[in-house]
Protein backbone atom coordinates (compact mmCIF):
# COMPACT_ATOMS: atom_id res chain seq x y z
CA MET A 1 -93.43 -31.21 -29.55
CA LYS A 2 -89.51 -31.58 -28.90
CA TYR A 3 -88.73 -30.98 -25.26
CA THR A 4 -86.12 -28.58 -24.08
CA THR A 5 -83.33 -29.74 -22.05
CA LEU A 6 -81.65 -28.44 -19.31
CA LYS A 7 -77.96 -26.75 -20.08
CA GLU A 8 -76.88 -25.05 -16.79
CA HIS A 9 -75.69 -26.92 -14.25
CA HIS A 10 -76.86 -24.38 -11.52
CA LEU A 11 -80.70 -25.41 -12.93
CA TYR A 12 -79.67 -29.25 -11.95
CA ASN A 13 -78.55 -27.96 -8.60
CA LYS A 14 -81.84 -25.78 -7.76
CA THR A 15 -83.68 -28.52 -9.01
CA PHE A 16 -82.05 -31.41 -6.74
CA GLN A 17 -82.11 -28.89 -4.07
CA LYS A 18 -85.57 -27.46 -4.08
CA GLY A 19 -87.58 -29.62 -6.20
CA THR A 20 -90.14 -32.14 -5.15
CA ARG A 21 -89.16 -35.50 -5.78
CA PHE A 22 -89.98 -39.12 -6.30
CA SER A 23 -87.97 -42.52 -5.73
CA GLY A 24 -88.94 -45.31 -7.31
CA ARG A 25 -87.15 -48.67 -7.93
CA TYR A 26 -85.56 -47.65 -10.98
CA VAL A 27 -85.79 -44.24 -11.24
CA SER A 28 -85.46 -40.75 -9.34
CA VAL A 29 -87.76 -37.84 -10.55
CA PHE A 30 -87.42 -34.28 -9.24
CA VAL A 31 -89.76 -31.52 -10.41
CA LEU A 32 -89.85 -27.64 -9.91
CA ARG A 33 -91.74 -25.00 -11.13
CA ASP A 34 -89.92 -23.17 -13.74
CA PHE A 35 -89.63 -19.47 -12.55
CA SER A 36 -88.34 -18.62 -16.04
CA ALA A 37 -91.53 -20.37 -18.00
CA LYS A 38 -93.18 -16.66 -18.68
CA ARG A 39 -90.27 -15.30 -20.45
CA LEU A 40 -89.53 -18.75 -22.12
CA MET A 41 -93.40 -18.43 -23.48
CA ARG A 42 -92.91 -15.22 -24.51
CA GLU A 43 -89.78 -16.02 -26.94
CA ASN A 44 -91.20 -19.28 -28.15
CA PRO A 45 -92.82 -18.87 -31.86
CA GLU A 46 -95.61 -21.22 -30.65
CA LYS A 47 -96.49 -18.96 -27.49
CA LYS A 48 -96.86 -22.02 -25.17
CA TYR A 49 -95.23 -23.01 -22.01
CA TYR A 50 -93.09 -26.40 -21.81
CA ASN A 51 -91.11 -28.22 -19.54
CA ARG A 52 -87.31 -28.29 -19.61
CA PHE A 53 -86.02 -31.85 -19.14
CA GLY A 54 -82.72 -32.98 -17.88
CA VAL A 55 -81.22 -36.78 -17.29
CA SER A 56 -78.34 -37.11 -14.56
CA VAL A 57 -76.42 -40.21 -14.87
CA THR A 58 -73.37 -40.89 -12.58
CA LYS A 59 -70.49 -43.01 -13.22
CA ARG A 60 -72.02 -45.21 -10.47
CA VAL A 61 -74.53 -46.76 -13.36
CA GLY A 62 -71.11 -48.16 -15.43
CA GLY A 63 -68.99 -47.07 -18.15
CA ALA A 64 -69.53 -44.78 -20.96
CA VAL A 65 -71.67 -47.45 -23.09
CA GLN A 66 -74.08 -48.28 -20.19
CA ARG A 67 -74.62 -44.73 -19.32
CA SER A 68 -75.52 -43.74 -22.59
CA ARG A 69 -77.73 -46.67 -22.95
CA VAL A 70 -79.59 -45.43 -19.72
CA LYS A 71 -79.71 -41.89 -20.73
CA ARG A 72 -81.19 -43.04 -24.43
CA ILE A 73 -83.75 -45.22 -22.20
CA LEU A 74 -84.85 -42.59 -19.83
CA ARG A 75 -85.17 -39.99 -22.89
CA ALA A 76 -87.61 -42.57 -24.46
CA ALA A 77 -89.66 -43.11 -21.32
CA TYR A 78 -89.87 -39.25 -20.81
CA ARG A 79 -90.95 -38.61 -24.52
CA ALA A 80 -93.81 -41.27 -24.12
CA VAL A 81 -94.61 -39.72 -20.86
CA GLU A 82 -94.51 -36.04 -21.83
CA PRO A 83 -97.54 -35.13 -23.79
CA ASP A 84 -99.76 -35.70 -20.51
CA LEU A 85 -97.86 -33.72 -18.42
CA LYS A 86 -98.35 -30.12 -17.21
CA THR A 87 -96.05 -27.50 -18.46
CA GLY A 88 -93.68 -24.89 -16.91
CA PHE A 89 -91.55 -27.21 -14.90
CA LEU A 90 -87.87 -28.07 -14.63
CA VAL A 91 -87.93 -31.71 -14.49
CA VAL A 92 -84.81 -33.82 -14.01
CA ILE A 93 -84.51 -37.80 -13.90
CA SER A 94 -81.83 -39.90 -12.56
CA PRO A 95 -81.80 -43.65 -12.53
CA ARG A 96 -81.27 -45.83 -9.57
CA ASP A 97 -79.14 -49.20 -9.53
CA GLY A 98 -80.66 -51.84 -11.20
CA ILE A 99 -81.61 -49.83 -14.14
CA LEU A 100 -80.02 -51.84 -16.86
CA ALA A 101 -81.87 -54.98 -15.92
CA VAL A 102 -85.00 -53.85 -17.12
CA LYS A 103 -86.73 -53.05 -20.08
CA SER A 104 -87.84 -49.49 -21.24
CA THR A 105 -91.32 -50.28 -20.68
CA ASP A 106 -90.99 -50.90 -17.05
CA VAL A 107 -88.97 -47.46 -17.17
CA GLU A 108 -92.05 -45.73 -18.63
CA LYS A 109 -94.58 -46.90 -16.08
CA GLU A 110 -92.56 -46.53 -13.16
CA LEU A 111 -92.16 -42.41 -14.58
CA ARG A 112 -96.04 -42.48 -15.14
CA LYS A 113 -96.24 -43.46 -11.36
CA GLY A 114 -94.16 -41.05 -10.34
CA PHE A 115 -95.53 -37.80 -12.23
CA ALA A 116 -98.88 -39.23 -10.60
CA LYS A 117 -97.65 -39.18 -7.32
CA LEU A 118 -96.27 -35.63 -7.90
CA GLU A 119 -99.31 -34.40 -9.26
CA MET A 120 -98.00 -33.33 -12.94
CA PHE A 121 -100.50 -35.24 -15.03
CA ARG A 122 -102.88 -32.36 -16.43
CA ASP A 123 -106.41 -32.82 -16.48
CA ARG A 124 -108.12 -34.09 -19.36
CA GLY A 125 -110.25 -31.13 -19.93
CA VAL A 126 -107.83 -28.51 -19.34
CA GLU A 127 -104.96 -27.73 -22.12
């Protein structure tokens, strides 16, 4: 399933301020329960809950080319982790210094660690 992206600035701010946070070596993960999830589920043709996902990369990471590369790495890592996550949340991932020096598999491992710490993985028997 294709994830839905966050487009509104106020949702990023709300997730940063009120959400739970995990800070690792390469990424920071912010998670907040999406109160619009039920409305969005009813509008969805598949009638399923889903996460809304956003990436926040600052100019401190580097120039435009480096920021685009970091965004691609973060989206790919999230795409690999996303099928195992609980749904109905706002998820924002922000890179930390030094992310350009690592492989995308290392970022994926750290995302898995962060989501586990935030208790975002669904139980195996529950869909």
